[in-house]
Amino acid sequence: MVTFVEPAAAEFGRDAWPLHVTWVPPFDAAEDDVVRALGAVLDGRRPVETSALAEQWFGRRRDVRVAELAHGPGVEALHRALLATLAESGVDVRAMRHVGDAFRPHVSEQGGRFVEVGTSVRLADVSLVAMRPGGDPRRRQVVRSWPLADPAPAR
């Protein structure tokens, strides 16, 4: 589950990810159950405003350039809500790395594109991405996206 921070095609190659924030690492689950559960938790949720705080290097060899994002209450609440929903759907989130207290929101550099430090980042949707659509590990496909909407203005 991700939020794209630049336009994303409905399908793209394994090495052609748009810039994005990963909320939850890849997992296996019944797609229909996850779509239904995510719809329930994301309906009526507001976009999250954050910013790129620092350039960091992630990965085992510290060779992945990332823009680490401010980890404010909105980011934390959305991450925890997604984890809880997956757990309720039968996904073993306890076995996942980089979630819960270990979650560090960031945007990894992709093909030379990078979110510069100081940039405001609006997280305005959540997308479920299939990592092997049709069994093809070279492709990625957006299964569904849920826009996060500001409340309608009062009249």
Protein backbone atom coordinates (compact mmCIF):
# COMPACT_ATOMS: atom_id res chain seq x y z
CA MET A 1 0.00 0.00 0.00
CA VAL A 2 1.40 3.33 -1.10
CA THR A 3 0.62 6.96 -1.68
CA PHE A 4 1.97 8.25 -4.97
CA VAL A 5 3.47 11.72 -4.76
CA GLU A 6 3.64 12.10 -8.53
CA PRO A 7 1.25 10.90 -11.25
CA ALA A 8 1.14 7.13 -11.58
CA ALA A 9 0.03 4.95 -14.46
CA ALA A 10 -2.37 2.09 -13.76
CA GLU A 11 0.46 -0.31 -14.57
CA PHE A 12 4.23 0.11 -14.60
CA GLY A 13 7.40 -1.96 -14.60
CA ARG A 14 9.17 -3.23 -11.49
CA ASP A 15 11.96 -0.70 -12.07
CA ALA A 16 9.69 2.22 -13.05
CA TRP A 17 7.93 3.10 -9.79
CA PRO A 18 6.59 6.64 -9.50
CA LEU A 19 7.70 8.53 -6.39
CA HIS A 20 5.69 7.18 -3.47
CA VAL A 21 5.40 6.62 0.27
CA THR A 22 5.06 2.98 1.30
CA TRP A 23 2.57 2.61 4.14
CA VAL A 24 2.84 -1.15 4.47
CA PRO A 25 5.33 -3.51 2.81
CA PRO A 26 4.12 -6.18 0.38
CA PHE A 27 1.89 -8.91 1.79
CA ASP A 28 -0.23 -11.79 0.55
CA ALA A 29 -3.98 -11.70 1.17
CA ALA A 30 -7.29 -12.15 -0.58
CA GLU A 31 -7.51 -9.02 -2.73
CA ASP A 32 -11.30 -8.62 -2.40
CA ASP A 33 -11.11 -8.80 1.41
CA VAL A 34 -8.36 -6.18 1.53
CA VAL A 35 -10.19 -3.85 -0.87
CA ARG A 36 -13.36 -4.08 1.22
CA ALA A 37 -11.50 -3.48 4.50
CA LEU A 38 -9.49 -0.56 3.13
CA GLY A 39 -12.61 1.09 1.77
CA ALA A 40 -14.12 1.03 5.24
CA VAL A 41 -11.08 2.55 6.96
CA LEU A 42 -10.26 5.13 4.27
CA ASP A 43 -13.76 6.46 3.61
CA GLY A 44 -13.99 9.97 5.01
CA ARG A 45 -10.31 10.17 5.97
CA ARG A 46 -8.59 13.46 5.26
CA PRO A 47 -5.37 14.02 3.30
CA VAL A 48 -2.18 14.24 5.33
CA GLU A 49 0.19 17.18 5.03
CA THR A 50 3.85 16.55 5.75
CA SER A 51 7.24 17.64 4.46
CA ALA A 52 10.63 16.24 3.52
CA LEU A 53 12.85 16.76 6.56
CA ALA A 54 16.15 15.18 5.60
CA GLU A 55 18.03 13.22 2.99
CA GLN A 56 18.91 9.79 4.35
CA TRP A 57 20.41 6.55 3.05
CA PHE A 58 18.36 3.40 3.72
CA GLY A 59 18.86 -0.25 2.89
CA ARG A 60 21.23 -2.89 4.19
CA ARG A 61 24.16 -1.23 2.47
CA ARG A 62 22.87 2.31 3.01
CA ASP A 63 22.68 2.75 -0.76
CA VAL A 64 19.05 3.83 -1.19
CA ARG A 65 18.65 7.62 -1.21
CA VAL A 66 15.43 8.74 0.47
CA ALA A 67 13.72 11.91 1.59
CA GLU A 68 12.60 11.19 5.14
CA LEU A 69 9.23 12.75 5.90
CA ALA A 70 7.99 14.42 9.07
CA HIS A 71 6.32 11.74 11.17
CA GLY A 72 3.45 13.80 12.54
CA PRO A 73 0.16 12.64 14.06
CA GLY A 74 -1.63 12.43 10.69
CA VAL A 75 1.05 10.19 9.19
CA GLU A 76 1.12 8.01 12.31
CA ALA A 77 -2.68 7.71 12.52
CA LEU A 78 -3.02 6.66 8.88
CA HIS A 79 -0.20 4.11 9.14
CA ARG A 80 -1.66 2.57 12.32
CA ALA A 81 -5.18 2.48 10.85
CA LEU A 82 -3.92 0.63 7.76
CA LEU A 83 -2.02 -1.88 9.91
CA ALA A 84 -5.04 -2.50 12.14
CA THR A 85 -7.29 -3.02 9.14
CA LEU A 86 -4.90 -5.51 7.58
CA ALA A 87 -4.55 -7.38 10.87
CA GLU A 88 -8.34 -7.61 11.12
CA SER A 89 -8.35 -9.01 7.57
CA GLY A 90 -5.99 -11.82 8.57
CA VAL A 91 -2.67 -10.35 7.42
CA ASP A 92 0.16 -11.09 9.88
CA VAL A 93 1.41 -7.53 10.34
CA ARG A 94 3.51 -8.59 13.36
CA ALA A 95 5.86 -10.42 10.96
CA MET A 96 6.38 -7.29 8.83
CA ARG A 97 9.51 -5.19 9.01
CA HIS A 98 9.49 -1.39 9.06
CA VAL A 99 5.99 -0.98 10.47
CA GLY A 100 4.54 0.25 13.76
CA ASP A 101 7.26 1.73 15.95
CA ALA A 102 9.85 0.99 13.21
CA PHE A 103 7.93 2.94 10.53
CA ARG A 104 9.98 5.78 9.02
CA PRO A 105 7.90 7.52 6.35
CA HIS A 106 10.00 8.40 3.33
CA VAL A 107 10.08 8.74 -0.43
CA SER A 108 12.85 6.79 -2.15
CA GLU A 109 14.64 8.25 -5.15
CA GLN A 110 13.30 6.72 -8.36
CA GLY A 111 15.17 7.01 -11.64
CA GLY A 112 16.94 10.22 -10.58
CA ARG A 113 13.69 11.82 -9.36
CA PHE A 114 13.77 12.94 -5.73
CA VAL A 115 11.72 14.94 -3.25
CA GLU A 116 14.03 17.72 -2.13
CA VAL A 117 14.43 18.51 1.57
CA GLY A 118 11.99 21.23 2.61
CA THR A 119 9.36 20.25 0.04
CA SER A 120 5.77 20.06 1.29
CA VAL A 121 4.19 16.70 0.55
CA ARG A 122 0.42 16.18 0.43
CA LEU A 123 -0.60 12.56 0.89
CA ALA A 124 -3.99 12.68 -0.81
CA ASP A 125 -4.75 9.03 -1.60
CA VAL A 126 -3.85 5.46 -0.75
CA SER A 127 -3.32 2.84 -3.45
CA LEU A 128 -3.18 -0.92 -3.25
CA VAL A 129 -0.59 -2.19 -5.74
CA ALA A 130 -0.35 -5.77 -7.02
CA MET A 131 3.32 -6.75 -7.04
CA ARG A 132 2.94 -9.67 -9.48
CA PRO A 133 -0.23 -9.11 -11.52
CA GLY A 134 -1.07 -12.22 -13.49
CA GLY A 135 1.97 -13.89 -11.90
CA ASP A 136 4.42 -11.56 -13.70
CA PRO A 137 7.07 -10.30 -11.23
CA ARG A 138 8.28 -7.70 -13.76
CA ARG A 139 5.06 -5.67 -13.55
CA ARG A 140 3.17 -3.65 -10.93
CA GLN A 141 -0.52 -2.79 -11.19
CA VAL A 142 -2.66 -0.38 -9.19
CA VAL A 143 -5.56 -2.50 -7.95
CA ARG A 144 -7.49 0.38 -6.45
CA SER A 145 -6.90 3.92 -5.18
CA TRP A 146 -8.86 5.68 -2.47
CA PRO A 147 -8.77 9.48 -2.54
CA LEU A 148 -8.51 11.15 0.83
CA ALA A 149 -10.88 14.10 0.77
CA ASP A 150 -11.12 17.35 2.65
CA PRO A 151 -14.58 17.79 4.16
CA ALA A 152 -17.07 19.72 2.06
CA PRO A 153 -17.30 23.38 3.09
CA ALA A 154 -20.21 24.25 5.34
CA ARG A 155 -22.98 26.23 3.68
